[in-house]
Amino acid sequence: MSPRSTRTTIRDVAREAGVSVTTVSHALNGKGIVAGPTRNRIAEIARRMHYRPHAVASGLRNNRLGVLALVLRPLDTLESFLPDGVDYFVRFAGAASLSALEHGYGLMLLSDPTLPETPSVSLAADGFIITEPIENDPVIDLLLAEEIPFLTVGRDPARDSYSSFIEPDTARTTTQVLDHLVENGARKVAIAVGTDRNHWNILTEKRYREWCDERGQEPIVLVQGETSGLAGGRVLGEQVLAMDDRPDAAYCLTGRHAAGLQGRLAEAGISTPGNFLLVAGSDSEQTRNSTPPITAMDLAPEATARAAIAALVEQLGGTPKGDGYSGIDGRFIIRESSTR
């Protein structure tokens, strides 16, 4: 086995010592308040496990590299870094790269830097942007431990202790979609969310349940992993068809799920929009090219990327991001699938 695949990470040391990643970092770099016996025990475990701190990252404390890093977290749980038909990430990364150049930085695109096979040079950046972090995201733990500035697009659902994030008003967007379906004749609306524990999935479901309570409708929450794509959408279709009192509309957060659902219902003789109204929470090649085309929310990745880069650069210059809201809610593109 190659040395890269067995390199010990700071998370490995923390797990062995039964302490947080931050405590390990403080114990090894002499910062923070760590009791002497704990500091010595962590140092011994680090030696025994052959852990070597990220020398390049440590050097950034007093040096500017002129490089920003981008971690597109949803791609770490998908089957490919170029998922078929999904252009959000390409659009985001392209706009972020050019925006970074405008601010005098280069941009480095990374997968999860906490994985054991990740090279140490992955932390050689002045600051990080993390899109849609998961609950208790280990990438944030690592950056906090290494004292590397970061900004997230979408908040870590489990953390209330940081303000360096921007995100759209998901509750407002969800309400807009659900009200649109009712205005076009929907009697009973279901939602289909993904399995990633990020703010987008969590806040959408939360607002949907509130909306159902306000209308007196029993919530119908369907769940499919983001990686399942069109096939997962067809599974959603099977679930809808199996219901005795089935919904006549659905809001699917991913475009691929929406297209798969539409295709399966069509095979069963349920037409869109004649018998079933459909909206996707993220526009994609599949939503644009379906028959009929599927109404979708364009999440404005270019504008969001530019806002994130600008906010991170301001943070690096000493102006912290404090409000956590970008005001970029995307564009609701109404197509044939949701209008009668």
C-alpha atoms as a PDB file:
ATOM      1  CA  MET A   1       0.000   0.000   0.000  1.00  0.00           C
ATOM      2  CA  SER A   2       1.353   3.440  -0.871  1.00  0.00           C
ATOM      3  CA  PRO A   3       2.425   5.887   1.878  1.00  0.00           C
ATOM      4  CA  ARG A   4      -0.226   8.375   0.697  1.00  0.00           C
ATOM      5  CA  SER A   5      -3.082   6.030   1.482  1.00  0.00           C
ATOM      6  CA  THR A   6      -1.866   5.423   5.084  1.00  0.00           C
ATOM      7  CA  ARG A   7      -0.924   8.971   6.135  1.00  0.00           C
ATOM      8  CA  THR A   8      -2.249   9.711   9.606  1.00  0.00           C
ATOM      9  CA  THR A   9      -4.516  12.749   9.849  1.00  0.00           C
ATOM     10  CA  ILE A  10      -5.184  15.083  12.750  1.00  0.00           C
ATOM     11  CA  ARG A  11      -8.646  13.515  13.022  1.00  0.00           C
ATOM     12  CA  ASP A  12      -7.030  10.086  13.530  1.00  0.00           C
ATOM     13  CA  VAL A  13      -4.991  11.466  16.438  1.00  0.00           C
ATOM     14  CA  ALA A  14      -8.059  13.172  17.924  1.00  0.00           C
ATOM     15  CA  ARG A  15     -10.070   9.949  17.709  1.00  0.00           C
ATOM     16  CA  GLU A  16      -7.305   7.912  19.353  1.00  0.00           C
ATOM     17  CA  ALA A  17      -6.882  10.488  22.125  1.00  0.00           C
ATOM     18  CA  GLY A  18     -10.613  10.927  22.669  1.00  0.00           C
ATOM     19  CA  VAL A  19     -10.436  14.711  22.241  1.00  0.00           C
ATOM     20  CA  SER A  20     -11.468  17.268  19.628  1.00  0.00           C
ATOM     21  CA  VAL A  21      -9.420  18.132  16.556  1.00  0.00           C
ATOM     22  CA  THR A  22      -8.979  21.645  17.925  1.00  0.00           C
ATOM     23  CA  THR A  23      -7.520  20.282  21.184  1.00  0.00           C
ATOM     24  CA  VAL A  24      -4.990  18.207  19.216  1.00  0.00           C
ATOM     25  CA  SER A  25      -4.000  21.267  17.177  1.00  0.00           C
ATOM     26  CA  HIS A  26      -3.569  23.409  20.302  1.00  0.00           C
ATOM     27  CA  ALA A  27      -1.607  20.689  22.077  1.00  0.00           C
ATOM     28  CA  LEU A  28       0.830  20.265  19.197  1.00  0.00           C
ATOM     29  CA  ASN A  29       1.324  23.928  18.277  1.00  0.00           C
ATOM     30  CA  GLY A  30       1.480  25.264  21.828  1.00  0.00           C
ATOM     31  CA  LYS A  31      -1.600  27.463  21.499  1.00  0.00           C
ATOM     32  CA  GLY A  32      -4.764  27.516  23.564  1.00  0.00           C
ATOM     33  CA  ILE A  33      -5.249  26.104  27.048  1.00  0.00           C
ATOM     34  CA  VAL A  34      -4.537  22.394  27.258  1.00  0.00           C
ATOM     35  CA  ALA A  35      -3.665  20.690  30.533  1.00  0.00           C
ATOM     36  CA  GLY A  36      -0.081  19.438  30.750  1.00  0.00           C
ATOM     37  CA  PRO A  37      -0.913  15.729  31.062  1.00  0.00           C
ATOM     38  CA  THR A  38      -3.361  15.948  28.145  1.00  0.00           C
ATOM     39  CA  ARG A  39      -0.816  17.816  26.032  1.00  0.00           C
ATOM     40  CA  ASN A  40       1.830  15.192  26.753  1.00  0.00           C
ATOM     41  CA  ARG A  41      -0.555  12.312  26.043  1.00  0.00           C
ATOM     42  CA  ILE A  42      -1.570  13.827  22.693  1.00  0.00           C
ATOM     43  CA  ALA A  43       2.064  14.407  21.751  1.00  0.00           C
ATOM     44  CA  GLU A  44       2.891  10.790  22.558  1.00  0.00           C
ATOM     45  CA  ILE A  45      -0.067   9.498  20.510  1.00  0.00           C
ATOM     46  CA  ALA A  46       0.962  11.726  17.589  1.00  0.00           C
ATOM     47  CA  ARG A  47       4.518  10.341  17.732  1.00  0.00           C
ATOM     48  CA  ARG A  48       3.288   6.756  17.971  1.00  0.00           C
ATOM     49  CA  MET A  49       0.939   7.241  15.001  1.00  0.00           C
ATOM     50  CA  HIS A  50       3.644   9.061  12.993  1.00  0.00           C
ATOM     51  CA  TYR A  51       1.446  12.111  12.616  1.00  0.00           C
ATOM     52  CA  ARG A  52       3.103  15.137  11.020  1.00  0.00           C
ATOM     53  CA  PRO A  53       1.273  18.476  11.121  1.00  0.00           C
ATOM     54  CA  HIS A  54       0.621  20.233   7.820  1.00  0.00           C
ATOM     55  CA  ALA A  55       3.813  22.226   7.530  1.00  0.00           C
ATOM     56  CA  VAL A  56       2.586  24.170   4.516  1.00  0.00           C
ATOM     57  CA  ALA A  57      -0.658  25.109   6.240  1.00  0.00           C
ATOM     58  CA  SER A  58       1.188  26.116   9.390  1.00  0.00           C
ATOM     59  CA  GLY A  59       3.367  28.421   7.346  1.00  0.00           C
ATOM     60  CA  LEU A  60       0.301  30.350   6.241  1.00  0.00           C
ATOM     61  CA  ARG A  61      -0.025  31.893   9.685  1.00  0.00           C
ATOM     62  CA  ASN A  62       2.409  34.609   8.620  1.00  0.00           C
ATOM     63  CA  ASN A  63       2.576  34.273   4.841  1.00  0.00           C
ATOM     64  CA  ARG A  64       0.182  34.995   1.965  1.00  0.00           C
ATOM     65  CA  LEU A  65       0.135  32.547  -0.915  1.00  0.00           C
ATOM     66  CA  GLY A  66      -2.427  34.323  -3.067  1.00  0.00           C
ATOM     67  CA  VAL A  67      -4.494  31.139  -3.374  1.00  0.00           C
ATOM     68  CA  LEU A  68      -8.058  30.366  -2.307  1.00  0.00           C
ATOM     69  CA  ALA A  69      -9.472  26.836  -2.098  1.00  0.00           C
ATOM     70  CA  LEU A  70     -12.938  25.631  -3.076  1.00  0.00           C
ATOM     71  CA  VAL A  71     -14.529  22.444  -1.735  1.00  0.00           C
ATOM     72  CA  LEU A  72     -17.817  21.528  -3.427  1.00  0.00           C
ATOM     73  CA  ARG A  73     -19.100  19.270  -0.660  1.00  0.00           C
ATOM     74  CA  PRO A  74     -22.112  17.740  -2.488  1.00  0.00           C
ATOM     75  CA  LEU A  75     -19.720  16.257  -5.066  1.00  0.00           C
ATOM     76  CA  ASP A  76     -18.036  14.211  -2.332  1.00  0.00           C
ATOM     77  CA  THR A  77     -21.217  12.137  -1.960  1.00  0.00           C
ATOM     78  CA  LEU A  78     -22.118  11.864  -5.659  1.00  0.00           C
ATOM     79  CA  GLU A  79     -20.913   9.105  -7.967  1.00  0.00           C
ATOM     80  CA  SER A  80     -18.885  11.527 -10.080  1.00  0.00           C
ATOM     81  CA  PHE A  81     -17.297  14.943  -9.929  1.00  0.00           C
ATOM     82  CA  LEU A  82     -19.098  15.570 -13.240  1.00  0.00           C
ATOM     83  CA  PRO A  83     -22.618  14.227 -12.544  1.00  0.00           C
ATOM     84  CA  ASP A  84     -24.552  13.779 -15.759  1.00  0.00           C
ATOM     85  CA  GLY A  85     -26.675  16.793 -16.639  1.00  0.00           C
ATOM     86  CA  VAL A  86     -25.860  18.768 -13.477  1.00  0.00           C
ATOM     87  CA  ASP A  87     -24.219  22.064 -14.420  1.00  0.00           C
ATOM     88  CA  TYR A  88     -24.521  23.930 -11.091  1.00  0.00           C
ATOM     89  CA  PHE A  89     -21.051  22.957  -9.888  1.00  0.00           C
ATOM     90  CA  VAL A  90     -19.291  23.749 -13.159  1.00  0.00           C
ATOM     91  CA  ARG A  91     -20.996  27.142 -13.261  1.00  0.00           C
ATOM     92  CA  PHE A  92     -20.115  27.848  -9.616  1.00  0.00           C
ATOM     93  CA  ALA A  93     -16.466  26.793  -9.968  1.00  0.00           C
ATOM     94  CA  GLY A  94     -15.987  28.763 -13.189  1.00  0.00           C
ATOM     95  CA  ALA A  95     -17.424  31.966 -11.756  1.00  0.00           C
ATOM     96  CA  ALA A  96     -15.474  31.514  -8.517  1.00  0.00           C
ATOM     97  CA  SER A  97     -12.203  31.072 -10.437  1.00  0.00           C
ATOM     98  CA  LEU A  98     -12.659  34.256 -12.454  1.00  0.00           C
ATOM     99  CA  SER A  99     -13.873  36.204  -9.433  1.00  0.00           C
ATOM    100  CA  ALA A 100     -10.821  35.084  -7.444  1.00  0.00           C
ATOM    101  CA  LEU A 101      -8.584  36.366 -10.248  1.00  0.00           C
ATOM    102  CA  GLU A 102     -10.368  39.716 -10.129  1.00  0.00           C
ATOM    103  CA  HIS A 103      -9.441  39.917  -6.444  1.00  0.00           C
ATOM    104  CA  GLY A 104      -5.804  38.972  -7.068  1.00  0.00           C
ATOM    105  CA  TYR A 105      -6.045  35.293  -6.076  1.00  0.00           C
ATOM    106  CA  GLY A 106      -5.818  31.954  -7.799  1.00  0.00           C
ATOM    107  CA  LEU A 107      -8.384  29.262  -7.017  1.00  0.00           C
ATOM    108  CA  MET A 108      -7.648  25.629  -6.141  1.00  0.00           C
ATOM    109  CA  LEU A 109     -10.490  23.105  -6.463  1.00  0.00           C
ATOM    110  CA  LEU A 110     -10.373  20.267  -3.916  1.00  0.00           C
ATOM    111  CA  SER A 111     -12.280  17.205  -2.823  1.00  0.00           C
ATOM    112  CA  ASP A 112     -12.646  16.476   0.911  1.00  0.00           C
ATOM    113  CA  PRO A 113      -9.263  17.472   2.416  1.00  0.00           C
ATOM    114  CA  THR A 114      -9.849  15.359   5.542  1.00  0.00           C
ATOM    115  CA  LEU A 115      -9.480  12.069   3.656  1.00  0.00           C
ATOM    116  CA  PRO A 116      -6.307  10.117   4.466  1.00  0.00           C
ATOM    117  CA  GLU A 117      -5.071  10.084   0.859  1.00  0.00           C
ATOM    118  CA  THR A 118      -5.253  13.880   0.551  1.00  0.00           C
ATOM    119  CA  PRO A 119      -1.797  15.459   0.142  1.00  0.00           C
ATOM    120  CA  SER A 120      -0.651  18.045   2.684  1.00  0.00           C
ATOM    121  CA  VAL A 121      -0.428  20.685  -0.030  1.00  0.00           C
ATOM    122  CA  SER A 122      -4.249  20.682  -0.151  1.00  0.00           C
ATOM    123  CA  LEU A 123      -4.227  23.088   2.792  1.00  0.00           C
ATOM    124  CA  ALA A 124      -1.859  25.515   1.046  1.00  0.00           C
ATOM    125  CA  ALA A 125      -4.455  28.260   0.701  1.00  0.00           C
ATOM    126  CA  ASP A 126      -5.122  31.587   2.381  1.00  0.00           C
ATOM    127  CA  GLY A 127      -8.786  30.736   2.823  1.00  0.00           C
ATOM    128  CA  PHE A 128     -11.441  28.165   1.914  1.00  0.00           C
ATOM    129  CA  ILE A 129     -14.938  28.272   0.473  1.00  0.00           C
ATOM    130  CA  ILE A 130     -17.066  25.226   1.299  1.00  0.00           C
ATOM    131  CA  THR A 131     -20.384  24.778  -0.490  1.00  0.00           C
ATOM    132  CA  GLU A 132     -23.288  23.086   1.331  1.00  0.00           C
ATOM    133  CA  PRO A 133     -21.358  21.689   4.315  1.00  0.00           C
ATOM    134  CA  ILE A 134     -22.879  18.650   5.976  1.00  0.00           C
ATOM    135  CA  GLU A 135     -23.908  18.446   9.596  1.00  0.00           C
ATOM    136  CA  ASN A 136     -20.838  18.606  11.900  1.00  0.00           C
ATOM    137  CA  ASP A 137     -18.701  18.859   8.791  1.00  0.00           C
ATOM    138  CA  PRO A 138     -15.186  17.440   9.355  1.00  0.00           C
ATOM    139  CA  VAL A 139     -13.767  19.896   6.800  1.00  0.00           C
ATOM    140  CA  ILE A 140     -14.766  22.772   9.080  1.00  0.00           C
ATOM    141  CA  ASP A 141     -13.231  20.927  12.052  1.00  0.00           C
ATOM    142  CA  LEU A 142      -9.968  20.632  10.131  1.00  0.00           C
ATOM    143  CA  LEU A 143      -9.871  24.294   9.091  1.00  0.00           C
ATOM    144  CA  LEU A 144     -10.676  25.455  12.607  1.00  0.00           C
ATOM    145  CA  ALA A 145      -7.903  23.253  13.972  1.00  0.00           C
ATOM    146  CA  GLU A 146      -5.409  24.519  11.390  1.00  0.00           C
ATOM    147  CA  GLU A 147      -6.632  28.114  11.911  1.00  0.00           C
ATOM    148  CA  ILE A 148      -7.335  28.623   8.210  1.00  0.00           C
ATOM    149  CA  PRO A 149     -10.078  31.174   7.420  1.00  0.00           C
ATOM    150  CA  PHE A 150     -13.136  29.858   5.637  1.00  0.00           C
ATOM    151  CA  LEU A 151     -16.585  30.795   4.424  1.00  0.00           C
ATOM    152  CA  THR A 152     -19.424  28.389   3.726  1.00  0.00           C
ATOM    153  CA  VAL A 153     -22.192  28.635   1.156  1.00  0.00           C
ATOM    154  CA  GLY A 154     -25.022  27.294   3.255  1.00  0.00           C
ATOM    155  CA  ARG A 155     -24.523  26.839   6.961  1.00  0.00           C
ATOM    156  CA  ASP A 156     -23.351  23.742   8.807  1.00  0.00           C
ATOM    157  CA  PRO A 157     -26.707  22.736  10.361  1.00  0.00           C
ATOM    158  CA  ALA A 158     -25.091  21.708  13.639  1.00  0.00           C
ATOM    159  CA  ARG A 159     -23.088  24.893  14.252  1.00  0.00           C
ATOM    160  CA  ASP A 160     -24.439  28.156  15.616  1.00  0.00           C
ATOM    161  CA  SER A 161     -21.028  29.434  16.630  1.00  0.00           C
ATOM    162  CA  TYR A 162     -19.786  30.881  13.346  1.00  0.00           C
ATOM    163  CA  SER A 163     -21.043  33.657  11.095  1.00  0.00           C
ATOM    164  CA  SER A 164     -18.737  33.195   8.109  1.00  0.00           C
ATOM    165  CA  PHE A 165     -21.426  31.889   5.771  1.00  0.00           C
ATOM    166  CA  ILE A 166     -23.841  33.065   3.118  1.00  0.00           C
ATOM    167  CA  GLU A 167     -26.999  31.343   1.993  1.00  0.00           C
ATOM    168  CA  PRO A 168     -30.220  32.174   0.180  1.00  0.00           C
ATOM    169  CA  ASP A 169     -33.571  32.442   1.916  1.00  0.00           C
ATOM    170  CA  THR A 170     -34.544  28.792   1.530  1.00  0.00           C
ATOM    171  CA  ALA A 171     -37.784  29.210   3.468  1.00  0.00           C
ATOM    172  CA  ARG A 172     -38.939  31.971   1.123  1.00  0.00           C
ATOM    173  CA  THR A 173     -38.023  29.956  -1.967  1.00  0.00           C
ATOM    174  CA  THR A 174     -39.815  26.868  -0.658  1.00  0.00           C
ATOM    175  CA  THR A 175     -42.962  28.860   0.052  1.00  0.00           C
ATOM    176  CA  GLN A 176     -42.838  30.386  -3.429  1.00  0.00           C
ATOM    177  CA  VAL A 177     -42.697  26.960  -5.068  1.00  0.00           C
ATOM    178  CA  LEU A 178     -45.435  25.404  -2.926  1.00  0.00           C
ATOM    179  CA  ASP A 179     -47.778  28.362  -3.377  1.00  0.00           C
ATOM    180  CA  HIS A 180     -47.170  28.261  -7.133  1.00  0.00           C
ATOM    181  CA  LEU A 181     -48.277  24.628  -7.262  1.00  0.00           C
ATOM    182  CA  VAL A 182     -51.467  25.360  -5.316  1.00  0.00           C
ATOM    183  CA  GLU A 183     -52.229  28.394  -7.468  1.00  0.00           C
ATOM    184  CA  ASN A 184     -52.081  26.103 -10.503  1.00  0.00           C
ATOM    185  CA  GLY A 185     -54.583  23.645  -9.068  1.00  0.00           C
ATOM    186  CA  ALA A 186     -52.581  21.271  -6.861  1.00  0.00           C
ATOM    187  CA  ARG A 187     -54.668  19.645  -4.130  1.00  0.00           C
ATOM    188  CA  LYS A 188     -52.007  17.653  -2.327  1.00  0.00           C
ATOM    189  CA  VAL A 189     -48.284  18.447  -2.628  1.00  0.00           C
ATOM    190  CA  ALA A 190     -45.406  16.107  -1.789  1.00  0.00           C
ATOM    191  CA  ILE A 191     -41.723  16.941  -1.532  1.00  0.00           C
ATOM    192  CA  ALA A 192     -38.682  14.822  -2.359  1.00  0.00           C
ATOM    193  CA  VAL A 193     -35.484  15.678  -0.503  1.00  0.00           C
ATOM    194  CA  GLY A 194     -32.002  14.181  -0.559  1.00  0.00           C
ATOM    195  CA  THR A 195     -30.145  12.287   2.136  1.00  0.00           C
ATOM    196  CA  ASP A 196     -27.218  14.701   2.562  1.00  0.00           C
ATOM    197  CA  ARG A 197     -27.517  16.365   5.968  1.00  0.00           C
ATOM    198  CA  ASN A 198     -27.069  19.912   4.713  1.00  0.00           C
ATOM    199  CA  HIS A 199     -29.029  23.088   5.348  1.00  0.00           C
ATOM    200  CA  TRP A 200     -30.764  23.012   1.962  1.00  0.00           C
ATOM    201  CA  ASN A 201     -32.411  19.645   2.606  1.00  0.00           C
ATOM    202  CA  ILE A 202     -33.137  20.375   6.254  1.00  0.00           C
ATOM    203  CA  LEU A 203     -34.568  23.879   5.841  1.00  0.00           C
ATOM    204  CA  THR A 204     -36.666  22.907   2.819  1.00  0.00           C
ATOM    205  CA  GLU A 205     -38.295  20.031   4.672  1.00  0.00           C
ATOM    206  CA  LYS A 206     -38.824  22.202   7.766  1.00  0.00           C
ATOM    207  CA  ARG A 207     -40.594  24.935   5.791  1.00  0.00           C
ATOM    208  CA  TYR A 208     -42.642  22.356   3.868  1.00  0.00           C
ATOM    209  CA  ARG A 209     -43.915  20.819   7.111  1.00  0.00           C
ATOM    210  CA  GLU A 210     -44.819  24.274   8.419  1.00  0.00           C
ATOM    211  CA  TRP A 211     -46.628  25.051   5.161  1.00  0.00           C
ATOM    212  CA  CYS A 212     -48.591  21.784   5.392  1.00  0.00           C
ATOM    213  CA  ASP A 213     -49.563  22.581   8.965  1.00  0.00           C
ATOM    214  CA  GLU A 214     -50.790  26.014   7.878  1.00  0.00           C
ATOM    215  CA  ARG A 215     -52.948  24.426   5.141  1.00  0.00           C
ATOM    216  CA  GLY A 216     -54.108  21.433   7.122  1.00  0.00           C
ATOM    217  CA  GLN A 217     -52.408  18.961   4.779  1.00  0.00           C
ATOM    218  CA  GLU A 218     -50.685  15.827   5.986  1.00  0.00           C
ATOM    219  CA  PRO A 219     -47.003  16.103   4.938  1.00  0.00           C
ATOM    220  CA  ILE A 220     -45.740  13.667   2.303  1.00  0.00           C
ATOM    221  CA  VAL A 221     -41.939  13.601   2.513  1.00  0.00           C
ATOM    222  CA  LEU A 222     -40.123  11.316   0.085  1.00  0.00           C
ATOM    223  CA  VAL A 223     -36.373  10.710   0.407  1.00  0.00           C
ATOM    224  CA  GLN A 224     -33.804   9.600  -2.144  1.00  0.00           C
ATOM    225  CA  GLY A 225     -30.021   9.850  -2.063  1.00  0.00           C
ATOM    226  CA  GLU A 226     -28.617  12.518  -4.358  1.00  0.00           C
ATOM    227  CA  THR A 227     -26.350  10.000  -6.034  1.00  0.00           C
ATOM    228  CA  SER A 228     -29.334   7.934  -7.253  1.00  0.00           C
ATOM    229  CA  GLY A 229     -30.068  10.450 -10.043  1.00  0.00           C
ATOM    230  CA  LEU A 230     -32.723   9.562 -12.613  1.00  0.00           C
ATOM    231  CA  ALA A 231     -33.089   6.038 -11.242  1.00  0.00           C
ATOM    232  CA  GLY A 232     -33.840   7.498  -7.826  1.00  0.00           C
ATOM    233  CA  GLY A 233     -36.518   9.651  -9.399  1.00  0.00           C
ATOM    234  CA  ARG A 234     -38.129   6.559 -10.872  1.00  0.00           C
ATOM    235  CA  VAL A 235     -38.178   5.024  -7.386  1.00  0.00           C
ATOM    236  CA  LEU A 236     -39.993   8.141  -6.208  1.00  0.00           C
ATOM    237  CA  GLY A 237     -42.491   7.550  -8.994  1.00  0.00           C
ATOM    238  CA  GLU A 238     -43.080   3.998  -7.796  1.00  0.00           C
ATOM    239  CA  GLN A 239     -43.697   5.309  -4.275  1.00  0.00           C
ATOM    240  CA  VAL A 240     -46.229   7.852  -5.525  1.00  0.00           C
ATOM    241  CA  LEU A 241     -48.032   5.233  -7.606  1.00  0.00           C
ATOM    242  CA  ALA A 242     -48.296   2.921  -4.591  1.00  0.00           C
ATOM    243  CA  MET A 243     -50.145   5.504  -2.477  1.00  0.00           C
ATOM    244  CA  ASP A 244     -53.894   5.092  -1.974  1.00  0.00           C
ATOM    245  CA  ASP A 245     -54.503   8.844  -1.782  1.00  0.00           C
ATOM    246  CA  ARG A 246     -51.611   9.922  -3.957  1.00  0.00           C
ATOM    247  CA  PRO A 247     -50.442  13.549  -4.283  1.00  0.00           C
ATOM    248  CA  ASP A 248     -51.136  15.451  -7.465  1.00  0.00           C
ATOM    249  CA  ALA A 249     -47.992  17.602  -7.282  1.00  0.00           C
ATOM    250  CA  ALA A 250     -44.393  17.314  -6.102  1.00  0.00           C
ATOM    251  CA  TYR A 251     -41.424  19.526  -5.353  1.00  0.00           C
ATOM    252  CA  CYS A 252     -38.196  17.567  -5.963  1.00  0.00           C
ATOM    253  CA  LEU A 253     -35.043  19.299  -4.800  1.00  0.00           C
ATOM    254  CA  THR A 254     -32.837  17.781  -7.500  1.00  0.00           C
ATOM    255  CA  GLY A 255     -33.504  18.070 -11.212  1.00  0.00           C
ATOM    256  CA  ARG A 256     -32.526  14.476 -11.892  1.00  0.00           C
ATOM    257  CA  HIS A 257     -35.033  13.157  -9.356  1.00  0.00           C
ATOM    258  CA  ALA A 258     -37.739  15.345 -10.860  1.00  0.00           C
ATOM    259  CA  ALA A 259     -37.052  14.056 -14.375  1.00  0.00           C
ATOM    260  CA  GLY A 260     -37.001  10.424 -13.240  1.00  0.00           C
ATOM    261  CA  LEU A 261     -40.272  10.881 -11.347  1.00  0.00           C
ATOM    262  CA  GLN A 262     -41.913  12.498 -14.365  1.00  0.00           C
ATOM    263  CA  GLY A 263     -40.782   9.681 -16.652  1.00  0.00           C
ATOM    264  CA  ARG A 264     -42.114   6.910 -14.394  1.00  0.00           C
ATOM    265  CA  LEU A 265     -45.480   8.611 -13.936  1.00  0.00           C
ATOM    266  CA  ALA A 266     -45.786   9.097 -17.682  1.00  0.00           C
ATOM    267  CA  GLU A 267     -45.273   5.356 -18.199  1.00  0.00           C
ATOM    268  CA  ALA A 268     -48.196   4.778 -15.815  1.00  0.00           C
ATOM    269  CA  GLY A 269     -50.418   7.123 -17.811  1.00  0.00           C
ATOM    270  CA  ILE A 270     -50.139  10.070 -15.423  1.00  0.00           C
ATOM    271  CA  SER A 271     -49.337  13.089 -17.535  1.00  0.00           C
ATOM    272  CA  THR A 272     -47.540  16.272 -16.538  1.00  0.00           C
ATOM    273  CA  PRO A 273     -49.096  18.787 -16.117  1.00  0.00           C
ATOM    274  CA  GLY A 274     -52.518  17.306 -16.923  1.00  0.00           C
ATOM    275  CA  ASN A 275     -52.666  14.926 -13.943  1.00  0.00           C
ATOM    276  CA  PHE A 276     -49.584  15.899 -11.970  1.00  0.00           C
ATOM    277  CA  LEU A 277     -47.719  19.174 -11.367  1.00  0.00           C
ATOM    278  CA  LEU A 278     -43.957  19.116 -10.890  1.00  0.00           C
ATOM    279  CA  VAL A 279     -41.193  21.547  -9.836  1.00  0.00           C
ATOM    280  CA  ALA A 280     -37.450  20.933  -9.345  1.00  0.00           C
ATOM    281  CA  GLY A 281     -35.408  22.806  -6.759  1.00  0.00           C
ATOM    282  CA  SER A 282     -32.331  22.926  -8.989  1.00  0.00           C
ATOM    283  CA  ASP A 283     -32.318  23.496 -12.727  1.00  0.00           C
ATOM    284  CA  SER A 284     -30.396  20.982 -14.845  1.00  0.00           C
ATOM    285  CA  GLU A 285     -30.051  19.556 -18.309  1.00  0.00           C
ATOM    286  CA  GLN A 286     -32.736  17.015 -17.416  1.00  0.00           C
ATOM    287  CA  THR A 287     -35.299  19.623 -16.352  1.00  0.00           C
ATOM    288  CA  ARG A 288     -34.714  21.732 -19.445  1.00  0.00           C
ATOM    289  CA  ASN A 289     -34.904  18.793 -21.868  1.00  0.00           C
ATOM    290  CA  SER A 290     -37.718  16.760 -20.333  1.00  0.00           C
ATOM    291  CA  THR A 291     -41.045  16.386 -22.106  1.00  0.00           C
ATOM    292  CA  PRO A 292     -42.636  18.617 -21.075  1.00  0.00           C
ATOM    293  CA  PRO A 293     -39.858  20.834 -19.672  1.00  0.00           C
ATOM    294  CA  ILE A 294     -39.842  20.955 -15.857  1.00  0.00           C
ATOM    295  CA  THR A 295     -40.311  24.150 -13.889  1.00  0.00           C
ATOM    296  CA  ALA A 296     -37.173  24.716 -11.816  1.00  0.00           C
ATOM    297  CA  MET A 297     -35.304  27.076  -9.553  1.00  0.00           C
ATOM    298  CA  ASP A 298     -32.086  28.328 -11.086  1.00  0.00           C
ATOM    299  CA  LEU A 299     -29.909  28.709  -7.995  1.00  0.00           C
ATOM    300  CA  ALA A 300     -27.772  31.476  -9.526  1.00  0.00           C
ATOM    301  CA  PRO A 301     -24.403  29.741  -8.968  1.00  0.00           C
ATOM    302  CA  GLU A 302     -22.433  32.486 -10.724  1.00  0.00           C
ATOM    303  CA  ALA A 303     -23.814  35.281  -8.549  1.00  0.00           C
ATOM    304  CA  THR A 304     -23.478  33.152  -5.403  1.00  0.00           C
ATOM    305  CA  ALA A 305     -19.863  32.283  -6.243  1.00  0.00           C
ATOM    306  CA  ARG A 306     -18.969  35.937  -6.775  1.00  0.00           C
ATOM    307  CA  ALA A 307     -20.611  36.883  -3.483  1.00  0.00           C
ATOM    308  CA  ALA A 308     -18.760  34.114  -1.649  1.00  0.00           C
ATOM    309  CA  ILE A 309     -15.357  35.065  -3.068  1.00  0.00           C
ATOM    310  CA  ALA A 310     -15.925  38.737  -2.237  1.00  0.00           C
ATOM    311  CA  ALA A 311     -16.984  37.898   1.321  1.00  0.00           C
ATOM    312  CA  LEU A 312     -13.990  35.615   1.899  1.00  0.00           C
ATOM    313  CA  VAL A 313     -11.560  38.210   0.539  1.00  0.00           C
ATOM    314  CA  GLU A 314     -13.087  40.809   2.847  1.00  0.00           C
ATOM    315  CA  GLN A 315     -12.674  38.375   5.733  1.00  0.00           C
ATOM    316  CA  LEU A 316      -9.010  37.848   4.854  1.00  0.00           C
ATOM    317  CA  GLY A 317      -8.625  41.614   4.838  1.00  0.00           C
ATOM    318  CA  GLY A 318      -9.971  41.859   8.370  1.00  0.00           C
ATOM    319  CA  THR A 319     -13.687  42.423   7.715  1.00  0.00           C
ATOM    320  CA  PRO A 320     -15.598  39.372   8.993  1.00  0.00           C
ATOM    321  CA  LYS A 321     -18.800  38.226   7.333  1.00  0.00           C
ATOM    322  CA  GLY A 322     -21.488  38.842   9.906  1.00  0.00           C
ATOM    323  CA  ASP A 323     -25.015  38.595   8.544  1.00  0.00           C
ATOM    324  CA  GLY A 324     -24.940  35.153   6.967  1.00  0.00           C
ATOM    325  CA  TYR A 325     -27.334  36.097   4.154  1.00  0.00           C
ATOM    326  CA  SER A 326     -26.381  36.836   0.579  1.00  0.00           C
ATOM    327  CA  GLY A 327     -29.741  37.986  -0.726  1.00  0.00           C
ATOM    328  CA  ILE A 328     -29.216  35.726  -3.781  1.00  0.00           C
ATOM    329  CA  ASP A 329     -32.251  33.488  -3.967  1.00  0.00           C
ATOM    330  CA  GLY A 330     -32.045  32.341  -7.557  1.00  0.00           C
ATOM    331  CA  ARG A 331     -34.557  32.681 -10.389  1.00  0.00           C
ATOM    332  CA  PHE A 332     -37.825  30.766 -10.581  1.00  0.00           C
ATOM    333  CA  ILE A 333     -38.164  29.471 -14.150  1.00  0.00           C
ATOM    334  CA  ILE A 334     -41.776  28.510 -14.808  1.00  0.00           C
ATOM    335  CA  ARG A 335     -42.206  25.875 -17.514  1.00  0.00           C
ATOM    336  CA  GLU A 336     -44.981  23.613 -18.739  1.00  0.00           C
ATOM    337  CA  SER A 337     -44.737  20.949 -15.993  1.00  0.00           C
ATOM    338  CA  SER A 338     -46.387  23.151 -13.342  1.00  0.00           C
ATOM    339  CA  THR A 339     -48.880  25.293 -15.272  1.00  0.00           C
ATOM    340  CA  ARG A 340     -52.394  24.544 -16.464  1.00  0.00           C
END
